[in-house]
Protein backbone atom coordinates (compact mmCIF):
# COMPACT_ATOMS: atom_id res chain seq x y z
CA MET A 1 0.08 0.25 -0.21
CA GLN A 2 0.95 3.32 -1.03
CA LEU A 3 1.04 5.95 2.02
CA PRO A 4 0.43 9.66 1.57
CA ASP A 5 3.62 12.00 1.81
CA ALA A 6 3.56 13.13 5.35
CA GLU A 7 5.08 16.44 4.64
CA ILE A 8 2.72 17.11 2.12
CA LEU A 9 -0.61 16.23 4.32
CA LEU A 10 1.26 18.60 7.02
CA THR A 11 1.30 21.67 4.53
CA ASN A 12 -2.37 21.21 3.62
CA LEU A 13 -4.19 20.72 7.21
CA ILE A 14 -1.77 23.90 8.35
CA GLY A 15 -3.82 25.37 5.18
CA GLU A 16 -7.13 24.23 6.48
CA ILE A 17 -6.57 25.52 10.10
CA GLN A 18 -5.13 28.83 8.92
CA SER A 19 -8.97 30.58 8.80
CA GLU A 20 -9.77 29.20 12.37
CA ILE A 21 -6.65 30.95 13.99
CA SER A 22 -7.62 33.97 16.64
CA GLY A 23 -5.66 35.41 19.36
CA ASP A 24 -6.80 33.29 21.93
CA THR A 25 -6.29 30.21 19.87
CA ALA A 26 -3.66 27.21 21.42
CA LEU A 27 -2.41 24.21 19.97
CA VAL A 28 -1.81 21.45 22.04
CA GLY A 29 -0.15 18.26 20.73
CA ILE A 30 -0.29 14.82 22.25
CA TYR A 31 2.78 12.89 22.48
CA THR A 32 4.52 11.45 20.08
CA GLY A 33 3.28 12.32 16.72
CA GLY A 34 0.76 14.99 17.65
CA VAL A 35 3.98 17.07 19.42
CA TRP A 36 5.73 16.89 16.17
CA LEU A 37 2.78 18.28 14.32
CA ALA A 38 1.77 20.82 16.66
CA GLU A 39 5.30 22.18 17.09
CA ARG A 40 5.46 22.64 12.74
CA MET A 41 1.99 24.30 12.81
CA HIS A 42 2.46 25.90 16.06
CA GLN A 43 5.85 28.12 14.24
CA SER A 44 3.81 28.03 10.71
CA LEU A 45 0.73 29.30 11.93
CA GLY A 46 2.00 31.99 14.13
CA ILE A 47 0.16 31.39 17.00
CA THR A 48 0.71 33.50 19.85
CA LEU A 49 -0.33 31.50 23.09
CA PRO A 50 2.83 28.77 23.74
CA LEU A 51 2.51 25.33 22.54
CA GLY A 52 0.80 22.82 24.82
CA THR A 53 1.60 18.96 25.24
CA LEU A 54 -0.10 16.31 26.46
CA ASP A 55 1.04 12.53 27.73
CA VAL A 56 -2.31 10.84 28.21
CA SER A 57 -1.09 7.49 29.52
CA PHE A 58 -2.59 8.02 32.81
CA TYR A 59 -5.97 9.03 31.57
CA ARG A 60 -6.30 6.16 29.02
CA ASP A 61 -9.25 4.03 29.83
CA ASP A 62 -7.19 0.71 28.93
CA PHE A 63 -4.21 1.53 31.02
CA GLU A 64 -4.90 -1.63 33.58
CA GLN A 65 -4.56 -3.72 30.05
CA ILE A 66 -1.60 -2.38 28.38
CA GLY A 67 0.05 -0.68 31.12
CA LEU A 68 2.54 2.44 31.43
CA HIS A 69 4.25 3.16 28.33
CA PRO A 70 8.13 3.11 29.36
CA GLN A 71 8.42 6.93 27.59
CA VAL A 72 5.99 8.73 29.81
CA LYS A 73 6.56 12.53 29.30
CA PRO A 74 5.37 15.34 31.43
CA SER A 75 2.13 17.01 29.93
CA ASP A 76 2.95 20.95 29.79
CA ILE A 77 0.13 23.17 29.32
CA PRO A 78 1.72 27.08 29.91
CA PHE A 79 -1.57 28.69 28.64
CA GLU A 80 -4.59 29.52 30.93
CA VAL A 81 -6.86 26.82 29.25
CA GLU A 82 -10.05 28.58 31.15
CA GLY A 83 -12.02 29.94 27.82
CA SER A 84 -9.28 29.35 25.79
CA HIS A 85 -9.88 28.24 21.78
CA ILE A 86 -8.19 24.81 21.74
CA ILE A 87 -6.85 22.73 18.65
CA LEU A 88 -5.96 19.41 20.08
CA VAL A 89 -3.28 17.72 17.20
CA ASP A 90 -2.72 14.21 17.10
CA ASP A 91 -1.23 11.97 14.41
CA VAL A 92 -3.35 9.16 13.66
CA LEU A 93 -7.55 9.23 15.16
CA TYR A 94 -8.90 5.60 15.04
CA THR A 95 -10.35 4.04 18.23
CA GLY A 96 -11.06 7.87 19.30
CA ARG A 97 -9.88 6.74 22.91
CA THR A 98 -6.64 8.55 23.25
CA ILE A 99 -8.71 11.81 21.72
CA ARG A 100 -10.94 11.45 24.83
CA ALA A 101 -8.31 11.09 27.23
CA ALA A 102 -6.88 13.80 26.00
CA ILE A 103 -9.83 15.65 26.49
CA ASN A 104 -10.46 14.42 29.91
CA GLU A 105 -7.01 15.58 30.68
CA LEU A 106 -7.65 19.24 29.58
CA PHE A 107 -10.83 19.58 31.36
CA ASP A 108 -8.30 19.26 34.68
CA TYR A 109 -6.59 22.58 33.70
CA GLY A 110 -9.61 24.11 33.34
CA ARG A 111 -12.87 24.52 30.73
CA PRO A 112 -11.80 25.98 27.30
CA ALA A 113 -14.62 27.72 24.93
CA SER A 114 -14.16 25.22 22.40
CA ILE A 115 -11.92 22.04 21.84
CA LEU A 116 -11.16 21.40 17.71
CA LEU A 117 -9.57 18.48 16.45
CA ALA A 118 -6.52 17.96 14.04
CA THR A 119 -5.42 14.80 12.62
CA LEU A 120 -2.93 13.73 10.17
CA ILE A 121 -4.85 10.60 9.47
CA ASP A 122 -8.42 9.06 10.19
CA ARG A 123 -8.00 5.65 9.40
CA GLY A 124 -11.69 4.80 10.88
CA GLY A 125 -12.61 2.16 13.43
CA ARG A 126 -14.05 4.23 15.79
CA GLU A 127 -15.47 3.14 19.03
CA MET A 128 -15.70 6.63 20.27
CA PRO A 129 -18.12 9.21 19.20
CA ILE A 130 -15.06 11.28 18.03
CA THR A 131 -14.79 13.15 14.71
CA ALA A 132 -11.79 15.42 13.54
CA GLN A 133 -12.26 19.20 12.01
CA PHE A 134 -9.54 18.81 10.10
CA VAL A 135 -8.14 15.96 8.57
CA GLY A 136 -5.01 15.59 6.32
CA ALA A 137 -5.96 12.44 4.54
CA THR A 138 -8.74 9.61 5.32
CA ILE A 139 -7.04 6.24 5.07
CA VAL A 140 -8.83 2.76 5.43
CA LEU A 141 -6.82 -0.17 6.90
CA PRO A 142 -7.39 -3.79 8.41
CA GLU A 143 -7.28 -3.61 11.39
CA ASN A 144 -4.13 -5.84 12.00
CA LYS A 145 -2.46 -2.77 10.65
CA MET A 146 -0.63 -0.48 12.46
CA LEU A 147 0.39 3.24 11.32
CA ALA A 148 2.69 5.08 12.95
CA LEU A 149 3.79 8.48 12.33
CA GLU A 150 8.16 9.03 12.64
CA GLN A 151 10.22 11.67 12.54
CA GLY A 152 13.72 11.33 11.21
CA ASN A 153 16.94 13.39 12.36
CA ASP A 154 16.38 16.03 9.45
CA GLY A 155 12.85 16.72 11.40
CA LYS A 156 11.28 15.24 8.22
CA LEU A 157 7.99 13.33 8.73
CA ASN A 158 6.91 10.42 7.15
CA LEU A 159 4.33 7.62 7.74
CA SER A 160 5.04 3.74 8.07
CA LEU A 161 2.71 0.33 8.12
CA TYR A 162 3.04 -2.03 10.32
CA ASN A 163 1.71 -5.26 11.77
CA LYS A 164 -0.25 -5.04 14.94
CA SER A 165 1.11 -8.70 16.06
CA SER A 166 4.91 -7.13 15.35
CA VAL A 167 4.47 -4.24 16.65
CA GLU A 168 3.05 -5.72 20.45
CA GLN A 169 5.83 -8.77 20.89
């Protein structure tokens, strides 16, 4: 399967989001791929509020099943969430559970005026009533496949496809 170019998708996503930016708009990236995307978007869109980052490991509803990710990073929301318009950024939208966890964590910081979701890839397969307002591409994948955003040493982003069984071992 030929995967789309992540850099082109990111450029298109930035163009989509441009019209939604106002003085009280904040970007929040979800570790890891969402943070890489949000960093690039933040710079390109000239957003004045500082970039926020979330690690939703402790907010996941499957925490007891999958355990703690070995590289948990601290969340950092360096702006006032209360009343802000937030664009939440993630790399791949699948079941919706990561986004649910991120929204729960954001509300621990305050009540935003609104939350919009931007994702590089929507691969379907939702288990939660979550949809993205900004999508780079929609790709249909079998359940046994996993799509991952990777960042090269040069900062360039690319998409890779894996078999779930080889990743879970």
